[in-house]
Amino acid sequence: MLGITLALISSLFWGTNDYLSKRLLIKGLDEHFTLWVRFPIACLLLTPFSITHWGMNAKVLMYALIWLPFEVLGGIFFIKALKHTSLSVAMSFYSFMPVFSALFGWLLLGEEPSFMGLLGISLVILASLLIAGFSPAEFFRKNRGVLYMLVSTALFGFNVVIGKASIMESNSLFFSWFYTLCMGFGTLIFVKPKEIFNRENYRHCEVPFLGLFFALGDILYNLALVFTLSSYVASAERLSLIIALFYGKFLLRERTEGLFVPALLMILGNMLLALS
């Protein structure tokens, strides 16, 4: 239960982080800069943990060579999804990630979700189908951002498993710092130099909070992975969907009709995962 609780709290920070990202994209900031800038800020904030909880070894480095390319690509598709569709719809389909993490957790770590866990994941899938109106082909043609998000969830779902293996070889606090360090360099290659050195980009009030909220969510999420199955952590963290719906409707004035019932199904799915 502790792992689920930590994952739920992390979703509050990451849901807010996604909202801030969407705000910066609406303001016209470059999408790759918006993705990248959180990592160096979060890395700086987490540096003390790298000193007090050092956990580097050959296996952690080997795992990084596996997960980093997938995580960078997942981040690129994620930020593109936020750019090309509403925050509410994009984050609704991000809730598909537990399906992929459960699959990869079973194949790579031998983690077998219980019946209630599988039922919870099934509710997430049903909710996604409700959003698509049970006509995914037509829905995807009109929502390019959704396709980007599904690719992102598949990549992140795989990396949840690899990330947990890395944490078990080191520790959550060190890996939280190491992750932001690697992602800072990994995503940097996509950012134009003029965006990095443009002082105006850093004057938006959302920028420092991107790093702060990402760092807090990162620590709690990685701690959660120690206490429960990776597929359950990924599902519980989808509470950020409700946060996204709230921000989308009341702060970004997005149309959210037809999204609240699927959102409730996703919450129920997460409750079943916690009870399992």
Protein backbone atom coordinates (compact mmCIF):
# COMPACT_ATOMS: atom_id res chain seq x y z
CA MET A 1 0.00 0.00 0.00
CA LEU A 2 2.93 2.33 0.70
CA GLY A 3 4.12 2.04 -2.90
CA ILE A 4 0.68 2.94 -4.25
CA THR A 5 0.45 5.93 -1.87
CA LEU A 6 3.83 7.28 -2.97
CA ALA A 7 2.86 6.85 -6.63
CA LEU A 8 -0.41 8.72 -6.06
CA ILE A 9 1.40 11.65 -4.45
CA SER A 10 3.93 11.72 -7.28
CA SER A 11 1.05 12.00 -9.74
CA LEU A 12 0.04 15.31 -8.15
CA PHE A 13 3.46 16.77 -8.87
CA TRP A 14 3.73 15.32 -12.36
CA GLY A 15 0.18 16.29 -13.29
CA THR A 16 1.01 19.87 -12.38
CA ASN A 17 4.26 19.55 -14.32
CA ASP A 18 2.31 18.52 -17.43
CA TYR A 19 0.01 21.52 -17.02
CA LEU A 20 2.97 23.87 -16.81
CA SER A 21 4.46 22.27 -19.92
CA LYS A 22 1.22 22.86 -21.81
CA ARG A 23 1.18 26.50 -20.66
CA LEU A 24 4.68 27.05 -22.03
CA LEU A 25 3.75 25.42 -25.34
CA ILE A 26 0.68 27.65 -25.60
CA LYS A 27 2.96 30.65 -25.01
CA GLY A 28 4.97 29.54 -28.04
CA LEU A 29 8.09 28.09 -26.43
CA ASP A 30 9.97 25.48 -28.44
CA GLU A 31 8.70 21.99 -27.59
CA HIS A 32 12.17 20.47 -27.29
CA PHE A 33 13.36 23.26 -24.99
CA THR A 34 10.22 22.79 -22.87
CA LEU A 35 11.02 19.10 -22.49
CA TRP A 36 14.73 19.59 -21.81
CA VAL A 37 14.79 22.48 -19.33
CA ARG A 38 13.20 20.52 -16.45
CA PHE A 39 16.04 18.02 -16.32
CA PRO A 40 19.04 20.27 -15.54
CA ILE A 41 16.99 22.12 -12.91
CA ALA A 42 15.81 18.86 -11.30
CA CYS A 43 19.34 17.43 -11.52
CA LEU A 44 20.73 20.41 -9.63
CA LEU A 45 18.06 20.09 -6.93
CA LEU A 46 18.72 16.35 -6.52
CA THR A 47 22.53 16.58 -6.49
CA PRO A 48 22.79 16.28 -2.66
CA PHE A 49 21.18 12.83 -2.88
CA SER A 50 23.81 11.70 -5.37
CA ILE A 51 26.46 12.51 -2.76
CA THR A 52 24.75 10.96 0.27
CA HIS A 53 23.33 7.89 -1.53
CA TRP A 54 25.90 7.13 -4.23
CA GLY A 55 24.92 3.94 -6.05
CA MET A 56 26.79 3.76 -9.34
CA ASN A 57 27.99 0.37 -10.52
CA ALA A 58 28.52 -1.51 -13.78
CA LYS A 59 24.93 -2.84 -13.93
CA VAL A 60 23.38 0.59 -13.40
CA LEU A 61 25.51 1.94 -16.22
CA MET A 62 24.61 -1.00 -18.47
CA TYR A 63 20.89 -0.51 -17.78
CA ALA A 64 21.26 3.21 -18.59
CA LEU A 65 22.57 2.34 -22.04
CA ILE A 66 19.32 0.39 -22.56
CA TRP A 67 16.71 2.73 -21.10
CA LEU A 68 18.13 6.11 -22.08
CA PRO A 69 17.41 5.96 -25.86
CA PHE A 70 13.86 4.74 -25.22
CA GLU A 71 13.26 7.35 -22.51
CA VAL A 72 14.51 10.20 -24.67
CA LEU A 73 12.29 9.12 -27.57
CA GLY A 74 9.38 8.66 -25.16
CA GLY A 75 9.89 12.20 -23.89
CA ILE A 76 10.02 13.61 -27.43
CA PHE A 77 6.76 11.89 -28.40
CA PHE A 78 5.20 12.96 -25.08
CA ILE A 79 5.91 16.64 -25.59
CA LYS A 80 4.72 16.41 -29.21
CA ALA A 81 1.47 14.88 -27.96
CA LEU A 82 0.97 17.81 -25.57
CA LYS A 83 1.62 20.21 -28.43
CA HIS A 84 -0.76 18.65 -30.95
CA THR A 85 -3.77 17.84 -28.78
CA SER A 86 -5.46 19.13 -25.64
CA LEU A 87 -3.96 18.37 -22.24
CA SER A 88 -7.11 16.48 -21.23
CA VAL A 89 -7.15 14.09 -24.20
CA ALA A 90 -3.39 13.60 -24.26
CA MET A 91 -3.22 12.62 -20.60
CA SER A 92 -6.28 10.40 -20.94
CA PHE A 93 -4.40 8.22 -23.39
CA TYR A 94 -1.25 8.40 -21.30
CA SER A 95 -3.21 6.21 -18.90
CA PHE A 96 -2.56 3.35 -21.30
CA MET A 97 0.98 3.04 -19.92
CA PRO A 98 0.08 0.47 -17.20
CA VAL A 99 -0.95 -1.95 -19.95
CA PHE A 100 2.54 -1.81 -21.44
CA SER A 101 4.33 -1.83 -18.08
CA ALA A 102 2.32 -4.88 -16.98
CA LEU A 103 3.23 -6.68 -20.20
CA PHE A 104 6.92 -5.87 -19.95
CA GLY A 105 6.95 -6.51 -16.19
CA TRP A 106 5.60 -10.00 -16.81
CA LEU A 107 7.98 -10.72 -19.69
CA LEU A 108 11.17 -9.28 -18.15
CA LEU A 109 10.75 -9.45 -14.36
CA GLY A 110 8.23 -12.26 -13.96
CA GLU A 111 5.78 -9.92 -12.18
CA GLU A 112 2.30 -11.43 -12.40
CA PRO A 113 -0.57 -9.06 -11.58
CA SER A 114 -3.39 -10.53 -9.52
CA PHE A 115 -6.93 -10.88 -10.82
CA MET A 116 -7.89 -7.55 -9.26
CA GLY A 117 -4.81 -5.96 -10.77
CA LEU A 118 -5.74 -7.23 -14.22
CA LEU A 119 -9.30 -6.02 -13.72
CA GLY A 120 -7.99 -2.56 -12.84
CA ILE A 121 -5.84 -2.45 -15.96
CA SER A 122 -8.86 -3.60 -18.02
CA LEU A 123 -10.87 -0.65 -16.74
CA VAL A 124 -8.12 1.67 -17.94
CA ILE A 125 -8.39 0.14 -21.41
CA LEU A 126 -12.20 0.42 -21.37
CA ALA A 127 -11.98 4.07 -20.36
CA SER A 128 -9.63 4.76 -23.26
CA LEU A 129 -12.06 3.10 -25.68
CA LEU A 130 -14.89 5.26 -24.32
CA ILE A 131 -12.85 8.38 -25.03
CA ALA A 132 -12.23 7.18 -28.57
CA GLY A 133 -15.93 6.42 -29.02
CA PHE A 134 -15.04 2.77 -29.77
CA SER A 135 -13.81 3.93 -33.16
CA PRO A 136 -10.03 4.26 -32.68
CA ALA A 137 -9.18 4.45 -36.39
CA GLU A 138 -11.39 7.50 -37.01
CA PHE A 139 -10.40 9.07 -33.69
CA PHE A 140 -6.66 8.76 -34.35
CA ARG A 141 -6.99 10.29 -37.82
CA LYS A 142 -8.34 13.44 -36.20
CA ASN A 143 -5.97 13.41 -33.23
CA ARG A 144 -2.35 13.08 -34.27
CA GLY A 145 -1.29 13.90 -30.72
CA VAL A 146 -2.98 10.73 -29.45
CA LEU A 147 -0.79 8.57 -31.69
CA TYR A 148 2.27 10.37 -30.35
CA MET A 149 1.08 9.70 -26.81
CA LEU A 150 0.50 5.99 -27.39
CA VAL A 151 4.01 5.60 -28.80
CA SER A 152 5.28 7.45 -25.74
CA THR A 153 3.38 5.18 -23.35
CA ALA A 154 4.79 2.05 -24.99
CA LEU A 155 8.35 3.35 -24.61
CA PHE A 156 7.78 4.52 -21.03
CA GLY A 157 5.99 1.26 -20.17
CA PHE A 158 9.07 -0.70 -21.17
CA ASN A 159 11.36 1.63 -19.25
CA VAL A 160 9.37 1.35 -16.02
CA VAL A 161 10.64 -2.22 -15.85
CA ILE A 162 14.24 -1.34 -16.73
CA GLY A 163 14.13 1.58 -14.31
CA LYS A 164 13.01 -0.68 -11.47
CA ALA A 165 15.87 -3.07 -12.23
CA SER A 166 18.26 -0.09 -12.05
CA ILE A 167 16.83 1.02 -8.70
CA MET A 168 17.18 -2.46 -7.24
CA GLU A 169 20.86 -2.40 -8.22
CA SER A 170 21.44 1.02 -6.62
CA ASN A 171 18.80 2.98 -4.67
CA SER A 172 15.85 5.27 -5.38
CA LEU A 173 17.45 8.54 -4.34
CA PHE A 174 20.61 8.05 -6.38
CA PHE A 175 18.69 6.86 -9.41
CA SER A 176 16.38 9.90 -9.26
CA TRP A 177 19.43 12.14 -9.66
CA PHE A 178 21.11 9.87 -12.21
CA TYR A 179 17.94 9.79 -14.32
CA THR A 180 17.71 13.59 -14.57
CA LEU A 181 21.43 13.79 -15.36
CA CYS A 182 21.15 11.29 -18.23
CA MET A 183 17.95 12.83 -19.58
CA GLY A 184 19.46 16.30 -19.42
CA PHE A 185 22.22 15.23 -21.79
CA GLY A 186 20.01 12.86 -23.81
CA THR A 187 17.35 15.44 -24.69
CA LEU A 188 19.88 18.25 -25.16
CA ILE A 189 20.76 17.01 -28.67
CA PHE A 190 17.23 17.89 -29.84
CA VAL A 191 17.32 21.49 -28.58
CA LYS A 192 18.53 24.25 -30.88
CA PRO A 193 21.45 26.22 -29.39
CA LYS A 194 19.59 29.51 -29.90
CA GLU A 195 16.81 28.21 -27.60
CA ILE A 196 19.28 27.25 -24.88
CA PHE A 197 21.00 30.64 -24.87
CA ASN A 198 17.83 32.71 -25.29
CA ARG A 199 17.43 34.47 -21.93
CA GLU A 200 13.76 35.18 -22.61
CA ASN A 201 12.99 31.45 -22.38
CA TYR A 202 14.06 31.41 -18.72
CA ARG A 203 12.00 34.41 -17.69
CA HIS A 204 8.72 32.50 -17.75
CA CYS A 205 7.63 31.77 -14.18
CA GLU A 206 6.71 28.17 -15.10
CA VAL A 207 10.29 27.16 -15.96
CA PRO A 208 11.79 26.76 -12.44
CA PHE A 209 8.65 25.00 -11.23
CA LEU A 210 8.99 22.47 -14.05
CA GLY A 211 12.26 21.34 -12.51
CA LEU A 212 10.99 21.46 -8.92
CA PHE A 213 7.80 19.46 -9.51
CA PHE A 214 9.61 16.98 -11.74
CA ALA A 215 12.25 16.38 -9.07
CA LEU A 216 9.63 15.76 -6.37
CA GLY A 217 7.60 13.46 -8.60
CA ASP A 218 10.75 11.62 -9.67
CA ILE A 219 11.82 10.79 -6.11
CA LEU A 220 8.39 9.61 -4.98
CA TYR A 221 7.85 7.55 -8.12
CA ASN A 222 11.19 5.77 -7.81
CA LEU A 223 10.61 5.10 -4.11
CA ALA A 224 7.22 3.60 -5.00
CA LEU A 225 8.86 1.13 -7.39
CA VAL A 226 10.73 -0.41 -4.46
CA PHE A 227 7.56 -1.25 -2.56
CA THR A 228 5.22 -2.69 -5.19
CA LEU A 229 4.95 -4.03 -8.75
CA SER A 230 6.03 -1.70 -11.54
CA SER A 231 2.69 -2.14 -13.35
CA TYR A 232 0.81 -1.08 -10.19
CA VAL A 233 2.98 2.00 -9.72
CA ALA A 234 2.43 3.01 -13.33
CA SER A 235 -1.34 2.59 -12.90
CA ALA A 236 -1.58 4.51 -9.62
CA GLU A 237 0.46 7.36 -11.05
CA ARG A 238 -2.30 7.84 -13.65
CA LEU A 239 -4.18 9.88 -11.08
CA SER A 240 -2.41 12.69 -12.91
CA LEU A 241 -5.22 12.27 -15.46
CA ILE A 242 -7.70 13.79 -13.00
CA ILE A 243 -5.26 16.60 -12.31
CA ALA A 244 -4.95 17.17 -16.07
CA LEU A 245 -8.74 17.21 -16.50
CA PHE A 246 -9.06 19.79 -13.73
CA TYR A 247 -6.36 22.02 -15.18
CA GLY A 248 -7.68 21.55 -18.71
CA LYS A 249 -11.25 22.50 -17.87
CA PHE A 250 -10.81 25.27 -15.31
CA LEU A 251 -7.46 26.85 -16.20
CA LEU A 252 -6.97 26.15 -19.92
CA ARG A 253 -10.71 26.29 -20.76
CA GLU A 254 -10.54 23.04 -22.76
CA ARG A 255 -13.67 21.12 -23.72
CA THR A 256 -13.81 18.04 -21.49
CA GLU A 257 -17.27 16.69 -22.31
CA GLY A 258 -17.26 12.89 -22.38
CA LEU A 259 -14.02 12.59 -20.42
CA PHE A 260 -15.19 12.51 -16.82
CA VAL A 261 -16.87 9.06 -16.89
CA PRO A 262 -13.75 7.43 -18.39
CA ALA A 263 -11.68 9.30 -15.82
CA LEU A 264 -13.79 7.81 -13.02
CA LEU A 265 -13.28 4.35 -14.50
CA MET A 266 -9.55 4.95 -14.44
CA ILE A 267 -9.72 5.97 -10.78
CA LEU A 268 -11.67 2.79 -10.02
CA GLY A 269 -9.03 0.80 -11.85
CA ASN A 270 -6.35 2.39 -9.69
CA MET A 271 -8.36 1.59 -6.53
CA LEU A 272 -8.53 -2.06 -7.55
CA LEU A 273 -4.78 -2.06 -8.06
CA ALA A 274 -4.26 -0.61 -4.59
CA LEU A 275 -6.59 -3.17 -2.99
CA SER A 276 -4.88 -5.99 -4.85
